[in-house]
């Protein structure tokens, strides 16, 4: 990861740079005393994290954060300032943290640890989870990184319903009534069996058993062992934010919220 530091006070710039290099996680540490040089660097070199002073001449840190975010949407912004009255503006700029001067080494490292953990989790997720499911906004299931094209709409709906109830067995007749309420029961059961088979085939290619559907005592049970699900990530991040009273975590949760739950599908069972 590459980190950018911008502060117009030379001695503070060197102090922050020293702490960051001592931390030892970053591939590149670039420091400037003005926004213009920072913007020029971002045009030619990828930056993952920006540590920004707020009160600077010509272009202040809030304006610089907005420019940097336009150029690199997933950049992590940390504000470092002597003034505590910019917190609202800082978090409106999607800052991950807001650190007051004089800088304490352990306070800075706590924030860098948070970013490092987030990076490690993201890399682990990319490396280990071949199934990714988005249910906030547009409903998309990715298998091995590629969006899955459902061969039948009922398969997409059945999987979403089982996923909403993952870990709980659902009676087959209830599923028939939910998806094929206007079809004779015998035909509905045949439709259900063929649709379940289609879903199972969808996830066979991942080869890691991340998603499986079990059948026992006339009930179907969806098990998800190793998959990324945006709803679960959203809810767990919100809970962590509440438990830790952490505004940065709450902002991460907001970033995950791409729209209402299954908002494009129109399935009545999803309304609640």
C-alpha atoms as a PDB file:
ATOM      1  CA  UNK A   1       0.000   0.000   0.000  1.00  0.00           C
ATOM      2  CA  UNK A   2       1.078   3.570  -0.717  1.00  0.00           C
ATOM      3  CA  UNK A   3       0.474   6.468   1.668  1.00  0.00           C
ATOM      4  CA  UNK A   4       0.405  10.218   1.011  1.00  0.00           C
ATOM      5  CA  UNK A   5       0.986  12.860   3.716  1.00  0.00           C
ATOM      6  CA  UNK A   6       0.111  16.525   3.204  1.00  0.00           C
ATOM      7  CA  UNK A   7       0.778  19.197   5.856  1.00  0.00           C
ATOM      8  CA  UNK A   8       1.970  22.765   5.304  1.00  0.00           C
ATOM      9  CA  UNK A   9       3.989  22.797   8.558  1.00  0.00           C
ATOM     10  CA  UNK A  10       7.411  21.335   7.722  1.00  0.00           C
ATOM     11  CA  UNK A  11       8.316  20.031  11.184  1.00  0.00           C
ATOM     12  CA  UNK A  12       4.943  18.276  11.568  1.00  0.00           C
ATOM     13  CA  UNK A  13       5.252  16.830   8.095  1.00  0.00           C
ATOM     14  CA  UNK A  14       8.595  15.283   9.029  1.00  0.00           C
ATOM     15  CA  UNK A  15       7.212  14.017  12.336  1.00  0.00           C
ATOM     16  CA  UNK A  16       4.274  12.263  10.682  1.00  0.00           C
ATOM     17  CA  UNK A  17       6.529  10.855   7.981  1.00  0.00           C
ATOM     18  CA  UNK A  18       8.865   9.501  10.678  1.00  0.00           C
ATOM     19  CA  UNK A  19       6.001   7.775  12.499  1.00  0.00           C
ATOM     20  CA  UNK A  20       4.655   6.249   9.280  1.00  0.00           C
ATOM     21  CA  UNK A  21       8.053   4.921   8.218  1.00  0.00           C
ATOM     22  CA  UNK A  22       8.619   3.553  11.702  1.00  0.00           C
ATOM     23  CA  UNK A  23       5.279   1.738  11.430  1.00  0.00           C
ATOM     24  CA  UNK A  24       6.779  -0.087   8.460  1.00  0.00           C
ATOM     25  CA  UNK A  25       3.742  -1.410   6.585  1.00  0.00           C
ATOM     26  CA  UNK A  26       3.660   0.805   3.503  1.00  0.00           C
ATOM     27  CA  UNK A  27       5.479   0.300   0.225  1.00  0.00           C
ATOM     28  CA  UNK A  28       5.773   4.020  -0.439  1.00  0.00           C
ATOM     29  CA  UNK A  29       5.462   7.076   1.795  1.00  0.00           C
ATOM     30  CA  UNK A  30       5.180  10.401  -0.042  1.00  0.00           C
ATOM     31  CA  UNK A  31       5.047  13.734   1.796  1.00  0.00           C
ATOM     32  CA  UNK A  32       4.227  17.241   0.541  1.00  0.00           C
ATOM     33  CA  UNK A  33       3.609  20.617   2.129  1.00  0.00           C
ATOM     34  CA  UNK A  34       0.983  21.653  -0.457  1.00  0.00           C
ATOM     35  CA  UNK A  35      -2.072  20.252  -2.217  1.00  0.00           C
ATOM     36  CA  UNK A  36      -0.912  20.926  -5.781  1.00  0.00           C
ATOM     37  CA  UNK A  37       2.065  18.562  -5.575  1.00  0.00           C
ATOM     38  CA  UNK A  38      -0.150  15.934  -3.941  1.00  0.00           C
ATOM     39  CA  UNK A  39      -2.670  16.092  -6.791  1.00  0.00           C
ATOM     40  CA  UNK A  40       0.096  15.849  -9.408  1.00  0.00           C
ATOM     41  CA  UNK A  41       1.458  12.749  -7.685  1.00  0.00           C
ATOM     42  CA  UNK A  42      -1.940  11.048  -7.581  1.00  0.00           C
ATOM     43  CA  UNK A  43      -2.244  11.631 -11.331  1.00  0.00           C
ATOM     44  CA  UNK A  44       0.847   9.495 -11.915  1.00  0.00           C
ATOM     45  CA  UNK A  45       1.013   7.081  -8.950  1.00  0.00           C
ATOM     46  CA  UNK A  46      -1.614   4.991  -7.130  1.00  0.00           C
ATOM     47  CA  UNK A  47      -2.286   6.077  -3.539  1.00  0.00           C
ATOM     48  CA  UNK A  48      -4.225   3.979  -1.019  1.00  0.00           C
ATOM     49  CA  UNK A  49      -4.239   6.256   2.042  1.00  0.00           C
ATOM     50  CA  UNK A  50      -3.989  10.031   2.489  1.00  0.00           C
ATOM     51  CA  UNK A  51      -3.086  11.718   5.789  1.00  0.00           C
ATOM     52  CA  UNK A  52      -4.226  15.327   5.395  1.00  0.00           C
ATOM     53  CA  UNK A  53      -3.935  18.475   7.448  1.00  0.00           C
ATOM     54  CA  UNK A  54      -7.137  20.517   7.221  1.00  0.00           C
ATOM     55  CA  UNK A  55      -6.056  24.152   7.525  1.00  0.00           C
ATOM     56  CA  UNK A  56      -3.696  24.796   4.622  1.00  0.00           C
ATOM     57  CA  UNK A  57      -3.309  27.787   2.277  1.00  0.00           C
ATOM     58  CA  UNK A  58      -4.998  27.913  -1.155  1.00  0.00           C
ATOM     59  CA  UNK A  59      -6.503  24.378  -1.058  1.00  0.00           C
ATOM     60  CA  UNK A  60      -7.484  23.128   2.407  1.00  0.00           C
ATOM     61  CA  UNK A  61      -7.561  19.503   3.472  1.00  0.00           C
ATOM     62  CA  UNK A  62     -11.315  19.088   3.035  1.00  0.00           C
ATOM     63  CA  UNK A  63     -11.151  20.354  -0.544  1.00  0.00           C
ATOM     64  CA  UNK A  64      -8.101  18.197  -1.209  1.00  0.00           C
ATOM     65  CA  UNK A  65      -9.918  15.126   0.165  1.00  0.00           C
ATOM     66  CA  UNK A  66     -12.776  15.764  -2.245  1.00  0.00           C
ATOM     67  CA  UNK A  67     -10.367  16.062  -5.184  1.00  0.00           C
ATOM     68  CA  UNK A  68      -8.506  12.903  -4.190  1.00  0.00           C
ATOM     69  CA  UNK A  69     -11.723  10.925  -3.741  1.00  0.00           C
ATOM     70  CA  UNK A  70     -12.874  11.976  -7.215  1.00  0.00           C
ATOM     71  CA  UNK A  71      -9.587  10.663  -8.619  1.00  0.00           C
ATOM     72  CA  UNK A  72      -9.381   7.510  -6.448  1.00  0.00           C
ATOM     73  CA  UNK A  73     -12.891   6.567  -5.172  1.00  0.00           C
ATOM     74  CA  UNK A  74     -11.670   3.919  -2.697  1.00  0.00           C
ATOM     75  CA  UNK A  75      -8.859   5.996  -1.143  1.00  0.00           C
ATOM     76  CA  UNK A  76      -8.825   6.052   2.665  1.00  0.00           C
ATOM     77  CA  UNK A  77      -8.767   9.585   4.104  1.00  0.00           C
ATOM     78  CA  UNK A  78      -7.422  10.437   7.567  1.00  0.00           C
ATOM     79  CA  UNK A  79      -7.491  14.045   8.755  1.00  0.00           C
ATOM     80  CA  UNK A  80      -4.827  15.371  11.121  1.00  0.00           C
ATOM     81  CA  UNK A  81      -5.573  18.812  12.538  1.00  0.00           C
ATOM     82  CA  UNK A  82      -5.085  21.087  15.527  1.00  0.00           C
ATOM     83  CA  UNK A  83      -8.779  22.001  15.511  1.00  0.00           C
ATOM     84  CA  UNK A  84     -11.620  19.825  16.819  1.00  0.00           C
ATOM     85  CA  UNK A  85     -14.452  21.739  15.108  1.00  0.00           C
ATOM     86  CA  UNK A  86     -14.075  20.024  11.732  1.00  0.00           C
ATOM     87  CA  UNK A  87     -15.221  16.548  12.777  1.00  0.00           C
ATOM     88  CA  UNK A  88     -18.619  16.754  11.072  1.00  0.00           C
ATOM     89  CA  UNK A  89     -17.119  17.991   7.798  1.00  0.00           C
ATOM     90  CA  UNK A  90     -14.402  15.346   8.020  1.00  0.00           C
ATOM     91  CA  UNK A  91     -16.809  12.434   8.272  1.00  0.00           C
ATOM     92  CA  UNK A  92     -19.040  13.935   5.600  1.00  0.00           C
ATOM     93  CA  UNK A  93     -15.932  13.620   3.419  1.00  0.00           C
ATOM     94  CA  UNK A  94     -15.946   9.854   4.256  1.00  0.00           C
ATOM     95  CA  UNK A  95     -12.815  10.099   6.381  1.00  0.00           C
ATOM     96  CA  UNK A  96     -11.890   6.921   8.185  1.00  0.00           C
ATOM     97  CA  UNK A  97     -10.551   8.886  11.161  1.00  0.00           C
ATOM     98  CA  UNK A  98      -9.904  12.362  12.597  1.00  0.00           C
ATOM     99  CA  UNK A  99      -6.731  12.792  14.662  1.00  0.00           C
ATOM    100  CA  UNK A 100      -5.970  15.882  16.730  1.00  0.00           C
ATOM    101  CA  UNK A 101      -2.563  17.508  17.012  1.00  0.00           C
ATOM    102  CA  UNK A 102      -0.216  17.219  18.783  1.00  0.00           C
ATOM    103  CA  UNK A 103       0.016  13.748  17.321  1.00  0.00           C
ATOM    104  CA  UNK A 104       0.507  10.830  19.641  1.00  0.00           C
ATOM    105  CA  UNK A 105       2.348   7.937  18.049  1.00  0.00           C
ATOM    106  CA  UNK A 106       0.069   5.282  19.566  1.00  0.00           C
ATOM    107  CA  UNK A 107      -3.049   7.162  18.409  1.00  0.00           C
ATOM    108  CA  UNK A 108      -1.810   7.271  14.818  1.00  0.00           C
ATOM    109  CA  UNK A 109      -0.831   3.608  14.930  1.00  0.00           C
ATOM    110  CA  UNK A 110      -4.293   2.641  16.184  1.00  0.00           C
ATOM    111  CA  UNK A 111      -5.768   4.134  13.008  1.00  0.00           C
ATOM    112  CA  UNK A 112      -3.144   2.541  10.767  1.00  0.00           C
ATOM    113  CA  UNK A 113      -3.822  -0.812  12.450  1.00  0.00           C
ATOM    114  CA  UNK A 114      -7.502  -0.431  11.550  1.00  0.00           C
ATOM    115  CA  UNK A 115      -6.659   0.205   7.894  1.00  0.00           C
ATOM    116  CA  UNK A 116      -4.179  -2.656   7.837  1.00  0.00           C
ATOM    117  CA  UNK A 117      -6.761  -5.059   9.269  1.00  0.00           C
ATOM    118  CA  UNK A 118      -9.302  -3.899   6.715  1.00  0.00           C
ATOM    119  CA  UNK A 119      -6.766  -4.459   3.927  1.00  0.00           C
ATOM    120  CA  UNK A 120      -5.876  -7.927   5.230  1.00  0.00           C
ATOM    121  CA  UNK A 121      -9.558  -8.875   5.438  1.00  0.00           C
ATOM    122  CA  UNK A 122     -10.177  -7.639   1.897  1.00  0.00           C
ATOM    123  CA  UNK A 123      -7.199  -9.595   0.549  1.00  0.00           C
ATOM    124  CA  UNK A 124      -8.300 -12.706   2.428  1.00  0.00           C
ATOM    125  CA  UNK A 125     -11.814 -12.299   1.087  1.00  0.00           C
ATOM    126  CA  UNK A 126     -10.534 -11.999  -2.468  1.00  0.00           C
ATOM    127  CA  UNK A 127      -8.187 -14.913  -2.063  1.00  0.00           C
ATOM    128  CA  UNK A 128     -10.483 -17.351  -0.295  1.00  0.00           C
ATOM    129  CA  UNK A 129     -14.095 -16.572  -1.156  1.00  0.00           C
ATOM    130  CA  UNK A 130     -15.129 -17.591  -4.625  1.00  0.00           C
ATOM    131  CA  UNK A 131     -18.798 -16.706  -3.966  1.00  0.00           C
ATOM    132  CA  UNK A 132     -19.882 -13.089  -3.632  1.00  0.00           C
ATOM    133  CA  UNK A 133     -23.530 -12.064  -3.194  1.00  0.00           C
ATOM    134  CA  UNK A 134     -24.947  -8.531  -3.332  1.00  0.00           C
ATOM    135  CA  UNK A 135     -28.525  -8.095  -2.098  1.00  0.00           C
ATOM    136  CA  UNK A 136     -28.487  -4.372  -1.291  1.00  0.00           C
ATOM    137  CA  UNK A 137     -29.663  -2.592  -4.422  1.00  0.00           C
ATOM    138  CA  UNK A 138     -29.042  -4.744  -7.467  1.00  0.00           C
ATOM    139  CA  UNK A 139     -29.192  -8.483  -6.739  1.00  0.00           C
ATOM    140  CA  UNK A 140     -26.007 -10.027  -8.120  1.00  0.00           C
ATOM    141  CA  UNK A 141     -24.455 -13.442  -7.430  1.00  0.00           C
ATOM    142  CA  UNK A 142     -20.832 -13.846  -8.494  1.00  0.00           C
ATOM    143  CA  UNK A 143     -19.174 -17.231  -8.844  1.00  0.00           C
ATOM    144  CA  UNK A 144     -15.376 -17.155  -9.174  1.00  0.00           C
ATOM    145  CA  UNK A 145     -15.586 -13.421  -9.787  1.00  0.00           C
ATOM    146  CA  UNK A 146     -18.097 -13.598 -12.663  1.00  0.00           C
ATOM    147  CA  UNK A 147     -21.758 -12.492 -12.397  1.00  0.00           C
ATOM    148  CA  UNK A 148     -23.980 -15.568 -12.646  1.00  0.00           C
ATOM    149  CA  UNK A 149     -26.664 -15.521 -15.327  1.00  0.00           C
ATOM    150  CA  UNK A 150     -29.637 -17.473 -13.949  1.00  0.00           C
ATOM    151  CA  UNK A 151     -31.190 -19.796 -16.524  1.00  0.00           C
ATOM    152  CA  UNK A 152     -34.575 -19.352 -14.842  1.00  0.00           C
ATOM    153  CA  UNK A 153     -35.996 -16.490 -12.781  1.00  0.00           C
ATOM    154  CA  UNK A 154     -37.458 -18.885 -10.201  1.00  0.00           C
ATOM    155  CA  UNK A 155     -33.969 -20.183  -9.436  1.00  0.00           C
ATOM    156  CA  UNK A 156     -32.806 -16.640  -8.642  1.00  0.00           C
ATOM    157  CA  UNK A 157     -35.827 -16.095  -6.382  1.00  0.00           C
ATOM    158  CA  UNK A 158     -35.587 -19.466  -4.632  1.00  0.00           C
ATOM    159  CA  UNK A 159     -31.908 -18.952  -3.886  1.00  0.00           C
ATOM    160  CA  UNK A 160     -32.558 -15.451  -2.515  1.00  0.00           C
ATOM    161  CA  UNK A 161     -35.340 -16.763  -0.260  1.00  0.00           C
ATOM    162  CA  UNK A 162     -33.230 -19.654   1.033  1.00  0.00           C
ATOM    163  CA  UNK A 163     -30.353 -17.236   1.566  1.00  0.00           C
ATOM    164  CA  UNK A 164     -32.581 -14.926   3.586  1.00  0.00           C
ATOM    165  CA  UNK A 165     -33.397 -17.972   5.748  1.00  0.00           C
ATOM    166  CA  UNK A 166     -29.970 -19.621   5.619  1.00  0.00           C
ATOM    167  CA  UNK A 167     -29.406 -22.094   8.412  1.00  0.00           C
ATOM    168  CA  UNK A 168     -33.132 -22.723   8.839  1.00  0.00           C
ATOM    169  CA  UNK A 169     -34.950 -25.665   7.172  1.00  0.00           C
ATOM    170  CA  UNK A 170     -37.894 -24.601   4.986  1.00  0.00           C
ATOM    171  CA  UNK A 171     -40.754 -27.008   4.250  1.00  0.00           C
ATOM    172  CA  UNK A 172     -40.956 -27.941   0.572  1.00  0.00           C
ATOM    173  CA  UNK A 173     -44.710 -27.299   0.432  1.00  0.00           C
ATOM    174  CA  UNK A 174     -44.158 -23.800   1.793  1.00  0.00           C
ATOM    175  CA  UNK A 175     -41.631 -23.187  -0.985  1.00  0.00           C
ATOM    176  CA  UNK A 176     -44.094 -24.492  -3.557  1.00  0.00           C
ATOM    177  CA  UNK A 177     -46.783 -22.181  -2.255  1.00  0.00           C
ATOM    178  CA  UNK A 178     -44.398 -19.257  -2.282  1.00  0.00           C
ATOM    179  CA  UNK A 179     -43.054 -19.681  -5.816  1.00  0.00           C
ATOM    180  CA  UNK A 180     -45.695 -21.788  -7.625  1.00  0.00           C
ATOM    181  CA  UNK A 181     -48.935 -20.925  -5.823  1.00  0.00           C
ATOM    182  CA  UNK A 182     -50.917 -21.073  -9.082  1.00  0.00           C
ATOM    183  CA  UNK A 183     -49.605 -24.533 -10.087  1.00  0.00           C
ATOM    184  CA  UNK A 184     -50.997 -27.952  -9.078  1.00  0.00           C
ATOM    185  CA  UNK A 185     -48.962 -29.309  -6.138  1.00  0.00           C
ATOM    186  CA  UNK A 186     -47.421 -32.290  -7.953  1.00  0.00           C
ATOM    187  CA  UNK A 187     -46.167 -30.100 -10.760  1.00  0.00           C
ATOM    188  CA  UNK A 188     -45.002 -27.492  -8.250  1.00  0.00           C
ATOM    189  CA  UNK A 189     -42.926 -30.150  -6.450  1.00  0.00           C
ATOM    190  CA  UNK A 190     -41.334 -31.182  -9.748  1.00  0.00           C
ATOM    191  CA  UNK A 191     -40.554 -27.532 -10.472  1.00  0.00           C
ATOM    192  CA  UNK A 192     -39.032 -27.144  -7.007  1.00  0.00           C
ATOM    193  CA  UNK A 193     -36.791 -30.201  -7.408  1.00  0.00           C
ATOM    194  CA  UNK A 194     -35.517 -29.111 -10.813  1.00  0.00           C
ATOM    195  CA  UNK A 195     -34.908 -25.569  -9.559  1.00  0.00           C
ATOM    196  CA  UNK A 196     -32.952 -26.817  -6.537  1.00  0.00           C
ATOM    197  CA  UNK A 197     -30.892 -28.998  -8.889  1.00  0.00           C
ATOM    198  CA  UNK A 198     -30.178 -25.944 -11.033  1.00  0.00           C
ATOM    199  CA  UNK A 199     -28.985 -23.966  -8.009  1.00  0.00           C
ATOM    200  CA  UNK A 200     -26.741 -26.809  -6.858  1.00  0.00           C
ATOM    201  CA  UNK A 201     -25.140 -26.969 -10.315  1.00  0.00           C
ATOM    202  CA  UNK A 202     -24.507 -23.222 -10.161  1.00  0.00           C
ATOM    203  CA  UNK A 203     -22.221 -23.547  -7.154  1.00  0.00           C
ATOM    204  CA  UNK A 204     -20.559 -26.846  -7.994  1.00  0.00           C
ATOM    205  CA  UNK A 205     -17.983 -25.068 -10.137  1.00  0.00           C
ATOM    206  CA  UNK A 206     -16.597 -23.137  -7.158  1.00  0.00           C
ATOM    207  CA  UNK A 207     -15.352 -26.470  -5.801  1.00  0.00           C
ATOM    208  CA  UNK A 208     -14.990 -25.311  -2.173  1.00  0.00           C
ATOM    209  CA  UNK A 209     -18.445 -26.199  -0.844  1.00  0.00           C
ATOM    210  CA  UNK A 210     -19.177 -22.561  -0.010  1.00  0.00           C
ATOM    211  CA  UNK A 211     -22.869 -22.962  -0.778  1.00  0.00           C
ATOM    212  CA  UNK A 212     -24.899 -26.155  -0.421  1.00  0.00           C
ATOM    213  CA  UNK A 213     -28.577 -27.137  -0.188  1.00  0.00           C
ATOM    214  CA  UNK A 214     -29.462 -30.062   2.071  1.00  0.00           C
ATOM    215  CA  UNK A 215     -32.734 -31.986   1.981  1.00  0.00           C
ATOM    216  CA  UNK A 216     -34.087 -33.777   5.015  1.00  0.00           C
ATOM    217  CA  UNK A 217     -37.557 -34.589   6.383  1.00  0.00           C
ATOM    218  CA  UNK A 218     -39.305 -32.809   3.518  1.00  0.00           C
ATOM    219  CA  UNK A 219     -37.378 -29.603   4.140  1.00  0.00           C
ATOM    220  CA  UNK A 220     -34.628 -27.742   2.310  1.00  0.00           C
ATOM    221  CA  UNK A 221     -31.756 -26.121   4.200  1.00  0.00           C
ATOM    222  CA  UNK A 222     -29.257 -23.703   2.670  1.00  0.00           C
ATOM    223  CA  UNK A 223     -25.780 -23.689   4.186  1.00  0.00           C
ATOM    224  CA  UNK A 224     -23.241 -20.947   3.427  1.00  0.00           C
ATOM    225  CA  UNK A 225     -19.773 -21.615   4.792  1.00  0.00           C
ATOM    226  CA  UNK A 226     -17.392 -19.358   2.920  1.00  0.00           C
ATOM    227  CA  UNK A 227     -18.997 -16.612   0.883  1.00  0.00           C
ATOM    228  CA  UNK A 228     -19.159 -12.831   0.970  1.00  0.00           C
ATOM    229  CA  UNK A 229     -22.712 -11.508   1.502  1.00  0.00           C
ATOM    230  CA  UNK A 230     -23.092  -7.732   1.561  1.00  0.00           C
ATOM    231  CA  UNK A 231     -26.113  -7.803   3.900  1.00  0.00           C
ATOM    232  CA  UNK A 232     -24.198  -9.812   6.513  1.00  0.00           C
ATOM    233  CA  UNK A 233     -21.163  -7.540   6.162  1.00  0.00           C
ATOM    234  CA  UNK A 234     -23.376  -4.445   6.497  1.00  0.00           C
ATOM    235  CA  UNK A 235     -25.158  -5.713   9.608  1.00  0.00           C
ATOM    236  CA  UNK A 236     -21.983  -6.887  11.345  1.00  0.00           C
ATOM    237  CA  UNK A 237     -20.197  -3.595  10.597  1.00  0.00           C
ATOM    238  CA  UNK A 238     -23.120  -1.582  11.981  1.00  0.00           C
ATOM    239  CA  UNK A 239     -23.135  -3.729  15.132  1.00  0.00           C
ATOM    240  CA  UNK A 240     -19.380  -3.255  15.593  1.00  0.00           C
ATOM    241  CA  UNK A 241     -19.771   0.499  15.098  1.00  0.00           C
ATOM    242  CA  UNK A 242     -22.476   0.636  17.783  1.00  0.00           C
ATOM    243  CA  UNK A 243     -20.570  -1.584  20.218  1.00  0.00           C
ATOM    244  CA  UNK A 244     -17.337   0.408  19.793  1.00  0.00           C
ATOM    245  CA  UNK A 245     -18.971   3.827  19.294  1.00  0.00           C
ATOM    246  CA  UNK A 246     -16.820   4.098  16.155  1.00  0.00           C
ATOM    247  CA  UNK A 247     -17.942   6.634  13.540  1.00  0.00           C
ATOM    248  CA  UNK A 248     -15.371   5.370  11.018  1.00  0.00           C
ATOM    249  CA  UNK A 249     -16.903   1.879  11.109  1.00  0.00           C
ATOM    250  CA  UNK A 250     -20.347   3.412  10.684  1.00  0.00           C
ATOM    251  CA  UNK A 251     -19.114   5.203   7.560  1.00  0.00           C
ATOM    252  CA  UNK A 252     -17.821   1.876   6.237  1.00  0.00           C
ATOM    253  CA  UNK A 253     -21.309   0.419   6.720  1.00  0.00           C
ATOM    254  CA  UNK A 254     -22.886   3.351   4.879  1.00  0.00           C
ATOM    255  CA  UNK A 255     -20.506   2.728   1.974  1.00  0.00           C
ATOM    256  CA  UNK A 256     -21.777  -0.867   1.748  1.00  0.00           C
ATOM    257  CA  UNK A 257     -25.402   0.248   1.470  1.00  0.00           C
ATOM    258  CA  UNK A 258     -25.941   0.444  -2.295  1.00  0.00           C
ATOM    259  CA  UNK A 259     -29.745   0.504  -2.148  1.00  0.00           C
ATOM    260  CA  UNK A 260     -32.753  -1.129  -0.530  1.00  0.00           C
ATOM    261  CA  UNK A 261     -32.784  -4.867   0.069  1.00  0.00           C
ATOM    262  CA  UNK A 262     -33.534  -6.669  -3.245  1.00  0.00           C
ATOM    263  CA  UNK A 263     -35.112  -3.422  -4.392  1.00  0.00           C
ATOM    264  CA  UNK A 264     -35.256  -4.284  -8.107  1.00  0.00           C
ATOM    265  CA  UNK A 265     -36.899  -7.705  -7.781  1.00  0.00           C
ATOM    266  CA  UNK A 266     -40.438  -6.958  -6.563  1.00  0.00           C
ATOM    267  CA  UNK A 267     -40.729 -10.124  -4.470  1.00  0.00           C
ATOM    268  CA  UNK A 268     -43.457  -9.632  -1.856  1.00  0.00           C
ATOM    269  CA  UNK A 269     -41.739 -11.879   0.702  1.00  0.00           C
ATOM    270  CA  UNK A 270     -38.725  -9.540   0.722  1.00  0.00           C
ATOM    271  CA  UNK A 271     -40.724  -6.423   1.614  1.00  0.00           C
ATOM    272  CA  UNK A 272     -40.581  -6.877   5.394  1.00  0.00           C
END
